């Protein structure tokens, strides 16, 4: 077994467990944290795929996912902050 196979298997199992926890979690904050973990793991899988194929387009997709997930996290945090300010 190669290192890529072992790491890929671990990351795919992490994706499966993360998807299960998204369905079980009740709070929005918990769902957001798990979604960020899901996107980070997905980027890890893409980096492993890049290591195998050496195609630059895979790096572009990984960077776009990182950008979108970070913007999503910022918007979510701002939304929680404004909601808290309106209630208090």
PDB file of N, CA and C in Angstrom:
ATOM      1  N   UNK A   1       0.844  -1.196   0.000  1.00  0.00           N
ATOM      2  CA  UNK A   1       0.000   0.000   0.000  1.00  0.00           C
ATOM      3  C   UNK A   1       0.875   1.239   0.000  1.00  0.00           C
ATOM      4  N   UNK A   2       0.486   2.187  -0.821  1.00  0.00           N
ATOM      5  CA  UNK A   2       1.264   3.414  -0.873  1.00  0.00           C
ATOM      6  C   UNK A   2       0.735   4.418   0.155  1.00  0.00           C
ATOM      7  N   UNK A   3       1.517   5.436   0.349  1.00  0.00           N
ATOM      8  CA  UNK A   3       1.134   6.485   1.298  1.00  0.00           C
ATOM      9  C   UNK A   3      -0.126   7.205   0.825  1.00  0.00           C
ATOM     10  N   UNK A   4      -0.240   7.416  -0.493  1.00  0.00           N
ATOM     11  CA  UNK A   4      -1.423   8.084  -1.034  1.00  0.00           C
ATOM     12  C   UNK A   4      -2.692   7.269  -0.767  1.00  0.00           C
ATOM     13  N   UNK A   5      -2.602   5.976  -0.864  1.00  0.00           N
ATOM     14  CA  UNK A   5      -3.765   5.122  -0.619  1.00  0.00           C
ATOM     15  C   UNK A   5      -4.201   5.194   0.839  1.00  0.00           C
ATOM     16  N   UNK A   6      -3.242   5.138   1.740  1.00  0.00           N
ATOM     17  CA  UNK A   6      -3.554   5.196   3.173  1.00  0.00           C
ATOM     18  C   UNK A   6      -4.167   6.543   3.540  1.00  0.00           C
ATOM     19  N   UNK A   7      -3.532   7.623   3.089  1.00  0.00           N
ATOM     20  CA  UNK A   7      -4.054   8.953   3.413  1.00  0.00           C
ATOM     21  C   UNK A   7      -5.406   9.196   2.754  1.00  0.00           C
ATOM     22  N   UNK A   8      -5.575   8.737   1.531  1.00  0.00           N
ATOM     23  CA  UNK A   8      -6.857   8.889   0.852  1.00  0.00           C
ATOM     24  C   UNK A   8      -7.965   8.144   1.566  1.00  0.00           C
ATOM     25  N   UNK A   9      -7.669   6.944   2.041  1.00  0.00           N
ATOM     26  CA  UNK A   9      -8.660   6.166   2.777  1.00  0.00           C
ATOM     27  C   UNK A   9      -9.063   6.865   4.070  1.00  0.00           C
ATOM     28  N   UNK A  10      -8.090   7.398   4.774  1.00  0.00           N
ATOM     29  CA  UNK A  10      -8.381   8.116   6.020  1.00  0.00           C
ATOM     30  C   UNK A  10      -9.248   9.340   5.751  1.00  0.00           C
ATOM     31  N   UNK A  11      -8.922  10.081   4.697  1.00  0.00           N
ATOM     32  CA  UNK A  11      -9.691  11.288   4.392  1.00  0.00           C
ATOM     33  C   UNK A  11     -11.109  10.963   3.926  1.00  0.00           C
ATOM     34  N   UNK A  12     -11.263   9.904   3.152  1.00  0.00           N
ATOM     35  CA  UNK A  12     -12.609   9.521   2.705  1.00  0.00           C
ATOM     36  C   UNK A  12     -13.450   9.048   3.894  1.00  0.00           C
ATOM     37  N   UNK A  13     -12.848   8.310   4.822  1.00  0.00           N
ATOM     38  CA  UNK A  13     -13.582   7.913   6.031  1.00  0.00           C
ATOM     39  C   UNK A  13     -13.983   9.140   6.844  1.00  0.00           C
ATOM     40  N   UNK A  14     -13.099  10.130   6.891  1.00  0.00           N
ATOM     41  CA  UNK A  14     -13.417  11.375   7.583  1.00  0.00           C
ATOM     42  C   UNK A  14     -14.583  12.080   6.903  1.00  0.00           C
ATOM     43  N   UNK A  15     -14.634  12.056   5.580  1.00  0.00           N
ATOM     44  CA  UNK A  15     -15.764  12.645   4.858  1.00  0.00           C
ATOM     45  C   UNK A  15     -17.070  11.947   5.201  1.00  0.00           C
ATOM     46  N   UNK A  16     -17.033  10.625   5.280  1.00  0.00           N
ATOM     47  CA  UNK A  16     -18.245   9.862   5.598  1.00  0.00           C
ATOM     48  C   UNK A  16     -18.730  10.182   7.009  1.00  0.00           C
ATOM     49  N   UNK A  17     -17.818  10.169   7.978  1.00  0.00           N
ATOM     50  CA  UNK A  17     -18.210  10.478   9.360  1.00  0.00           C
ATOM     51  C   UNK A  17     -18.713  11.911   9.490  1.00  0.00           C
ATOM     52  N   UNK A  18     -18.096  12.837   8.755  1.00  0.00           N
ATOM     53  CA  UNK A  18     -18.547  14.228   8.800  1.00  0.00           C
ATOM     54  C   UNK A  18     -19.959  14.356   8.251  1.00  0.00           C
ATOM     55  N   UNK A  19     -20.246  13.668   7.167  1.00  0.00           N
ATOM     56  CA  UNK A  19     -21.602  13.716   6.602  1.00  0.00           C
ATOM     57  C   UNK A  19     -22.627  13.163   7.584  1.00  0.00           C
ATOM     58  N   UNK A  20     -22.268  12.125   8.310  1.00  0.00           N
ATOM     59  CA  UNK A  20     -23.176  11.560   9.312  1.00  0.00           C
ATOM     60  C   UNK A  20     -23.414  12.558  10.441  1.00  0.00           C
ATOM     61  N   UNK A  21     -22.356  13.235  10.893  1.00  0.00           N
ATOM     62  CA  UNK A  21     -22.506  14.203  11.985  1.00  0.00           C
ATOM     63  C   UNK A  21     -23.313  15.424  11.551  1.00  0.00           C
ATOM     64  N   UNK A  22     -23.245  15.796  10.270  1.00  0.00           N
ATOM     65  CA  UNK A  22     -24.072  16.910   9.789  1.00  0.00           C
ATOM     66  C   UNK A  22     -25.544  16.571   9.955  1.00  0.00           C
ATOM     67  N   UNK A  23     -25.902  15.338   9.672  1.00  0.00           N
ATOM     68  CA  UNK A  23     -27.301  14.939   9.794  1.00  0.00           C
ATOM     69  C   UNK A  23     -27.756  14.869  11.250  1.00  0.00           C
ATOM     70  N   UNK A  24     -26.840  14.571  12.171  1.00  0.00           N
ATOM     71  CA  UNK A  24     -27.212  14.426  13.588  1.00  0.00           C
ATOM     72  C   UNK A  24     -27.185  15.739  14.358  1.00  0.00           C
ATOM     73  N   UNK A  25     -26.416  16.712  13.913  1.00  0.00           N
ATOM     74  CA  UNK A  25     -26.236  17.947  14.659  1.00  0.00           C
ATOM     75  C   UNK A  25     -27.471  18.835  14.547  1.00  0.00           C
ATOM     76  N   UNK A  26     -27.857  19.444  15.652  1.00  0.00           N
ATOM     77  CA  UNK A  26     -29.060  20.255  15.689  1.00  0.00           C
ATOM     78  C   UNK A  26     -28.768  21.757  15.560  1.00  0.00           C
ATOM     79  N   UNK A  27     -27.652  22.233  16.089  1.00  0.00           N
ATOM     80  CA  UNK A  27     -27.388  23.670  16.101  1.00  0.00           C
ATOM     81  C   UNK A  27     -26.774  24.113  14.785  1.00  0.00           C
ATOM     82  N   UNK A  28     -27.015  25.374  14.452  1.00  0.00           N
ATOM     83  CA  UNK A  28     -26.451  25.924  13.224  1.00  0.00           C
ATOM     84  C   UNK A  28     -24.938  26.066  13.316  1.00  0.00           C
ATOM     85  N   UNK A  29     -24.453  26.428  14.497  1.00  0.00           N
ATOM     86  CA  UNK A  29     -23.006  26.574  14.654  1.00  0.00           C
ATOM     87  C   UNK A  29     -22.298  25.241  14.493  1.00  0.00           C
ATOM     88  N   UNK A  30     -22.882  24.205  15.045  1.00  0.00           N
ATOM     89  CA  UNK A  30     -22.299  22.878  14.887  1.00  0.00           C
ATOM     90  C   UNK A  30     -22.283  22.429  13.444  1.00  0.00           C
ATOM     91  N   UNK A  31     -23.374  22.708  12.745  1.00  0.00           N
ATOM     92  CA  UNK A  31     -23.431  22.352  11.326  1.00  0.00           C
ATOM     93  C   UNK A  31     -22.398  23.129  10.519  1.00  0.00           C
ATOM     94  N   UNK A  32     -22.176  24.391  10.876  1.00  0.00           N
ATOM     95  CA  UNK A  32     -21.195  25.192  10.154  1.00  0.00           C
ATOM     96  C   UNK A  32     -19.785  24.668  10.397  1.00  0.00           C
ATOM     97  N   UNK A  33     -19.468  24.318  11.624  1.00  0.00           N
ATOM     98  CA  UNK A  33     -18.141  23.778  11.920  1.00  0.00           C
ATOM     99  C   UNK A  33     -17.903  22.458  11.199  1.00  0.00           C
ATOM    100  N   UNK A  34     -18.907  21.629  11.177  1.00  0.00           N
ATOM    101  CA  UNK A  34     -18.766  20.345  10.490  1.00  0.00           C
ATOM    102  C   UNK A  34     -18.661  20.553   8.982  1.00  0.00           C
ATOM    103  N   UNK A  35     -19.370  21.527   8.444  1.00  0.00           N
ATOM    104  CA  UNK A  35     -19.263  21.829   7.023  1.00  0.00           C
ATOM    105  C   UNK A  35     -17.871  22.333   6.670  1.00  0.00           C
ATOM    106  N   UNK A  36     -17.284  23.142   7.549  1.00  0.00           N
ATOM    107  CA  UNK A  36     -15.907  23.594   7.323  1.00  0.00           C
ATOM    108  C   UNK A  36     -14.928  22.424   7.376  1.00  0.00           C
ATOM    109  N   UNK A  37     -15.170  21.489   8.278  1.00  0.00           N
ATOM    110  CA  UNK A  37     -14.332  20.288   8.320  1.00  0.00           C
ATOM    111  C   UNK A  37     -14.479  19.477   7.040  1.00  0.00           C
ATOM    112  N   UNK A  38     -15.699  19.410   6.542  1.00  0.00           N
ATOM    113  CA  UNK A  38     -15.966  18.694   5.293  1.00  0.00           C
ATOM    114  C   UNK A  38     -15.214  19.334   4.124  1.00  0.00           C
ATOM    115  N   UNK A  39     -15.238  20.647   4.043  1.00  0.00           N
ATOM    116  CA  UNK A  39     -14.541  21.308   2.943  1.00  0.00           C
ATOM    117  C   UNK A  39     -13.024  21.177   3.086  1.00  0.00           C
ATOM    118  N   UNK A  40     -12.517  21.239   4.302  1.00  0.00           N
ATOM    119  CA  UNK A  40     -11.080  21.070   4.510  1.00  0.00           C
ATOM    120  C   UNK A  40     -10.633  19.664   4.131  1.00  0.00           C
ATOM    121  N   UNK A  41     -11.422  18.673   4.482  1.00  0.00           N
ATOM    122  CA  UNK A  41     -11.099  17.296   4.116  1.00  0.00           C
ATOM    123  C   UNK A  41     -11.176  17.098   2.610  1.00  0.00           C
ATOM    124  N   UNK A  42     -12.161  17.728   1.980  1.00  0.00           N
ATOM    125  CA  UNK A  42     -12.265  17.660   0.529  1.00  0.00           C
ATOM    126  C   UNK A  42     -11.055  18.259  -0.163  1.00  0.00           C
ATOM    127  N   UNK A  43     -10.547  19.350   0.374  1.00  0.00           N
ATOM    128  CA  UNK A  43      -9.339  19.957  -0.181  1.00  0.00           C
ATOM    129  C   UNK A  43      -8.145  19.031   0.022  1.00  0.00           C
ATOM    130  N   UNK A  44      -8.087  18.356   1.153  1.00  0.00           N
ATOM    131  CA  UNK A  44      -7.017  17.382   1.377  1.00  0.00           C
ATOM    132  C   UNK A  44      -7.053  16.253   0.361  1.00  0.00           C
ATOM    133  N   UNK A  45      -8.253  15.784   0.046  1.00  0.00           N
ATOM    134  CA  UNK A  45      -8.396  14.737  -0.975  1.00  0.00           C
ATOM    135  C   UNK A  45      -7.940  15.268  -2.335  1.00  0.00           C
ATOM    136  N   UNK A  46      -8.286  16.508  -2.636  1.00  0.00           N
ATOM    137  CA  UNK A  46      -7.850  17.089  -3.908  1.00  0.00           C
ATOM    138  C   UNK A  46      -6.333  17.242  -3.969  1.00  0.00           C
ATOM    139  N   UNK A  47      -5.709  17.604  -2.863  1.00  0.00           N
ATOM    140  CA  UNK A  47      -4.246  17.699  -2.847  1.00  0.00           C
ATOM    141  C   UNK A  47      -3.602  16.331  -3.060  1.00  0.00           C
ATOM    142  N   UNK A  48      -4.182  15.290  -2.469  1.00  0.00           N
ATOM    143  CA  UNK A  48      -3.669  13.942  -2.728  1.00  0.00           C
ATOM    144  C   UNK A  48      -3.844  13.557  -4.191  1.00  0.00           C
ATOM    145  N   UNK A  49      -4.971  13.925  -4.758  1.00  0.00           N
ATOM    146  CA  UNK A  49      -5.210  13.645  -6.170  1.00  0.00           C
ATOM    147  C   UNK A  49      -4.225  14.404  -7.048  1.00  0.00           C
ATOM    148  N   UNK A  50      -3.898  15.621  -6.655  1.00  0.00           N
ATOM    149  CA  UNK A  50      -2.889  16.377  -7.388  1.00  0.00           C
ATOM    150  C   UNK A  50      -1.520  15.703  -7.289  1.00  0.00           C
ATOM    151  N   UNK A  51      -1.204  15.168  -6.136  1.00  0.00           N
ATOM    152  CA  UNK A  51       0.070  14.479  -5.964  1.00  0.00           C
ATOM    153  C   UNK A  51       0.199  13.261  -6.862  1.00  0.00           C
ATOM    154  N   UNK A  52      -0.917  12.641  -7.176  1.00  0.00           N
ATOM    155  CA  UNK A  52      -0.897  11.465  -8.049  1.00  0.00           C
ATOM    156  C   UNK A  52      -0.866  11.865  -9.518  1.00  0.00           C
ATOM    157  N   UNK A  53      -1.701  12.850  -9.898  1.00  0.00           N
ATOM    158  CA  UNK A  53      -1.862  13.171 -11.325  1.00  0.00           C
ATOM    159  C   UNK A  53      -1.018  14.355 -11.794  1.00  0.00           C
ATOM    160  N   UNK A  54      -0.644  15.250 -10.890  1.00  0.00           N
ATOM    161  CA  UNK A  54       0.129  16.462 -11.200  1.00  0.00           C
ATOM    162  C   UNK A  54      -0.567  17.355 -12.246  1.00  0.00           C
ATOM    163  N   UNK A  55      -1.878  17.463 -12.164  1.00  0.00           N
ATOM    164  CA  UNK A  55      -2.635  18.368 -13.026  1.00  0.00           C
ATOM    165  C   UNK A  55      -2.904  19.661 -12.270  1.00  0.00           C
ATOM    166  N   UNK A  56      -2.537  20.780 -12.874  1.00  0.00           N
ATOM    167  CA  UNK A  56      -2.687  22.071 -12.202  1.00  0.00           C
ATOM    168  C   UNK A  56      -4.141  22.471 -12.000  1.00  0.00           C
ATOM    169  N   UNK A  57      -5.044  21.948 -12.808  1.00  0.00           N
ATOM    170  CA  UNK A  57      -6.454  22.310 -12.658  1.00  0.00           C
ATOM    171  C   UNK A  57      -7.020  21.807 -11.327  1.00  0.00           C
ATOM    172  N   UNK A  58      -6.477  20.727 -10.811  1.00  0.00           N
ATOM    173  CA  UNK A  58      -6.933  20.216  -9.512  1.00  0.00           C
ATOM    174  C   UNK A  58      -6.567  21.198  -8.404  1.00  0.00           C
ATOM    175  N   UNK A  59      -5.388  21.810  -8.507  1.00  0.00           N
ATOM    176  CA  UNK A  59      -5.016  22.835  -7.525  1.00  0.00           C
ATOM    177  C   UNK A  59      -5.940  24.043  -7.602  1.00  0.00           C
ATOM    178  N   UNK A  60      -6.346  24.410  -8.814  1.00  0.00           N
ATOM    179  CA  UNK A  60      -7.275  25.532  -8.965  1.00  0.00           C
ATOM    180  C   UNK A  60      -8.600  25.241  -8.279  1.00  0.00           C
ATOM    181  N   UNK A  61      -9.111  24.043  -8.452  1.00  0.00           N
ATOM    182  CA  UNK A  61     -10.373  23.662  -7.811  1.00  0.00           C
ATOM    183  C   UNK A  61     -10.216  23.668  -6.291  1.00  0.00           C
ATOM    184  N   UNK A  62      -9.104  23.165  -5.792  1.00  0.00           N
ATOM    185  CA  UNK A  62      -8.870  23.153  -4.344  1.00  0.00           C
ATOM    186  C   UNK A  62      -8.817  24.573  -3.786  1.00  0.00           C
ATOM    187  N   UNK A  63      -8.156  25.473  -4.485  1.00  0.00           N
ATOM    188  CA  UNK A  63      -8.073  26.851  -4.013  1.00  0.00           C
ATOM    189  C   UNK A  63      -9.430  27.553  -4.056  1.00  0.00           C
ATOM    190  N   UNK A  64     -10.243  27.244  -5.045  1.00  0.00           N
ATOM    191  CA  UNK A  64     -11.586  27.825  -5.108  1.00  0.00           C
ATOM    192  C   UNK A  64     -12.439  27.324  -3.940  1.00  0.00           C
ATOM    193  N   UNK A  65     -12.310  26.049  -3.609  1.00  0.00           N
ATOM    194  CA  UNK A  65     -13.069  25.504  -2.469  1.00  0.00           C
ATOM    195  C   UNK A  65     -12.625  26.164  -1.170  1.00  0.00           C
ATOM    196  N   UNK A  66     -11.320  26.374  -1.009  1.00  0.00           N
ATOM    197  CA  UNK A  66     -10.816  27.044   0.197  1.00  0.00           C
ATOM    198  C   UNK A  66     -11.352  28.466   0.269  1.00  0.00           C
ATOM    199  N   UNK A  67     -11.345  29.176  -0.848  1.00  0.00           N
ATOM    200  CA  UNK A  67     -11.849  30.539  -0.875  1.00  0.00           C
ATOM    201  C   UNK A  67     -13.331  30.595  -0.526  1.00  0.00           C
ATOM    202  N   UNK A  68     -14.118  29.723  -1.123  1.00  0.00           N
ATOM    203  CA  UNK A  68     -15.556  29.721  -0.856  1.00  0.00           C
ATOM    204  C   UNK A  68     -15.872  29.336   0.582  1.00  0.00           C
ATOM    205  N   UNK A  69     -15.151  28.378   1.135  1.00  0.00           N
ATOM    206  CA  UNK A  69     -15.441  27.981   2.513  1.00  0.00           C
ATOM    207  C   UNK A  69     -15.027  29.060   3.511  1.00  0.00           C
ATOM    208  N   UNK A  70     -13.952  29.770   3.234  1.00  0.00           N
ATOM    209  CA  UNK A  70     -13.565  30.843   4.152  1.00  0.00           C
ATOM    210  C   UNK A  70     -14.549  32.011   4.075  1.00  0.00           C
ATOM    211  N   UNK A  71     -15.019  32.347   2.888  1.00  0.00           N
ATOM    212  CA  UNK A  71     -16.022  33.403   2.761  1.00  0.00           C
ATOM    213  C   UNK A  71     -17.322  32.985   3.445  1.00  0.00           C
ATOM    214  N   UNK A  72     -17.693  31.719   3.305  1.00  0.00           N
ATOM    215  CA  UNK A  72     -18.893  31.210   3.961  1.00  0.00           C
ATOM    216  C   UNK A  72     -18.783  31.316   5.477  1.00  0.00           C
ATOM    217  N   UNK A  73     -17.624  30.984   6.016  1.00  0.00           N
ATOM    218  CA  UNK A  73     -17.421  31.073   7.461  1.00  0.00           C
ATOM    219  C   UNK A  73     -17.508  32.520   7.943  1.00  0.00           C
ATOM    220  N   UNK A  74     -16.955  33.435   7.181  1.00  0.00           N
ATOM    221  CA  UNK A  74     -17.008  34.848   7.565  1.00  0.00           C
ATOM    222  C   UNK A  74     -18.446  35.365   7.543  1.00  0.00           C
ATOM    223  N   UNK A  75     -19.182  35.026   6.504  1.00  0.00           N
ATOM    224  CA  UNK A  75     -20.578  35.470   6.408  1.00  0.00           C
ATOM    225  C   UNK A  75     -21.409  34.867   7.530  1.00  0.00           C
ATOM    226  N   UNK A  76     -21.179  33.609   7.855  1.00  0.00           N
ATOM    227  CA  UNK A  76     -21.917  32.967   8.936  1.00  0.00           C
ATOM    228  C   UNK A  76     -21.625  33.650  10.273  1.00  0.00           C
ATOM    229  N   UNK A  77     -20.355  33.955  10.530  1.00  0.00           N
ATOM    230  CA  UNK A  77     -20.000  34.617  11.790  1.00  0.00           C
ATOM    231  C   UNK A  77     -20.606  36.011  11.870  1.00  0.00           C
ATOM    232  N   UNK A  78     -20.588  36.737  10.770  1.00  0.00           N
ATOM    233  CA  UNK A  78     -21.192  38.079  10.753  1.00  0.00           C
ATOM    234  C   UNK A  78     -22.700  37.995  10.986  1.00  0.00           C
ATOM    235  N   UNK A  79     -23.335  37.005  10.374  1.00  0.00           N
ATOM    236  CA  UNK A  79     -24.778  36.853  10.544  1.00  0.00           C
ATOM    237  C   UNK A  79     -25.130  36.546  11.989  1.00  0.00           C
ATOM    238  N   UNK A  80     -24.354  35.679  12.636  1.00  0.00           N
ATOM    239  CA  UNK A  80     -24.601  35.387  14.053  1.00  0.00           C
ATOM    240  C   UNK A  80     -24.380  36.623  14.913  1.00  0.00           C
ATOM    241  N   UNK A  81     -23.381  37.400  14.588  1.00  0.00           N
ATOM    242  CA  UNK A  81     -23.084  38.593  15.369  1.00  0.00           C
ATOM    243  C   UNK A  81     -24.224  39.600  15.259  1.00  0.00           C
ATOM    244  N   UNK A  82     -24.718  39.834  14.035  1.00  0.00           N
ATOM    245  CA  UNK A  82     -25.797  40.799  13.864  1.00  0.00           C
ATOM    246  C   UNK A  82     -27.094  40.316  14.481  1.00  0.00           C
ATOM    247  N   UNK A  83     -27.333  39.020  14.420  1.00  0.00           N
ATOM    248  CA  UNK A  83     -28.531  38.464  15.047  1.00  0.00           C
ATOM    249  C   UNK A  83     -28.469  38.630  16.560  1.00  0.00           C
ATOM    250  N   UNK A  84     -27.292  38.441  17.143  1.00  0.00           N
ATOM    251  CA  UNK A  84     -27.107  38.595  18.568  1.00  0.00           C
ATOM    252  C   UNK A  84     -27.271  40.063  18.977  1.00  0.00           C
ATOM    253  N   UNK A  85     -26.767  40.997  18.137  1.00  0.00           N
ATOM    254  CA  UNK A  85     -26.912  42.428  18.435  1.00  0.00           C
ATOM    255  C   UNK A  85     -28.376  42.861  18.377  1.00  0.00           C
ATOM    256  N   UNK A  86     -29.146  42.289  17.453  1.00  0.00           N
ATOM    257  CA  UNK A  86     -30.556  42.652  17.341  1.00  0.00           C
ATOM    258  C   UNK A  86     -31.354  42.157  18.553  1.00  0.00           C
ATOM    259  N   UNK A  87     -30.999  40.996  19.078  1.00  0.00           N
ATOM    260  CA  UNK A  87     -31.739  40.449  20.216  1.00  0.00           C
ATOM    261  C   UNK A  87     -31.355  41.102  21.531  1.00  0.00           C
ATOM    262  N   UNK A  88     -30.148  41.614  21.658  1.00  0.00           N
ATOM    263  CA  UNK A  88     -29.687  42.137  22.938  1.00  0.00           C
ATOM    264  C   UNK A  88     -29.665  43.570  23.002  1.00  0.00           C
TER     265      UNK A  88
END
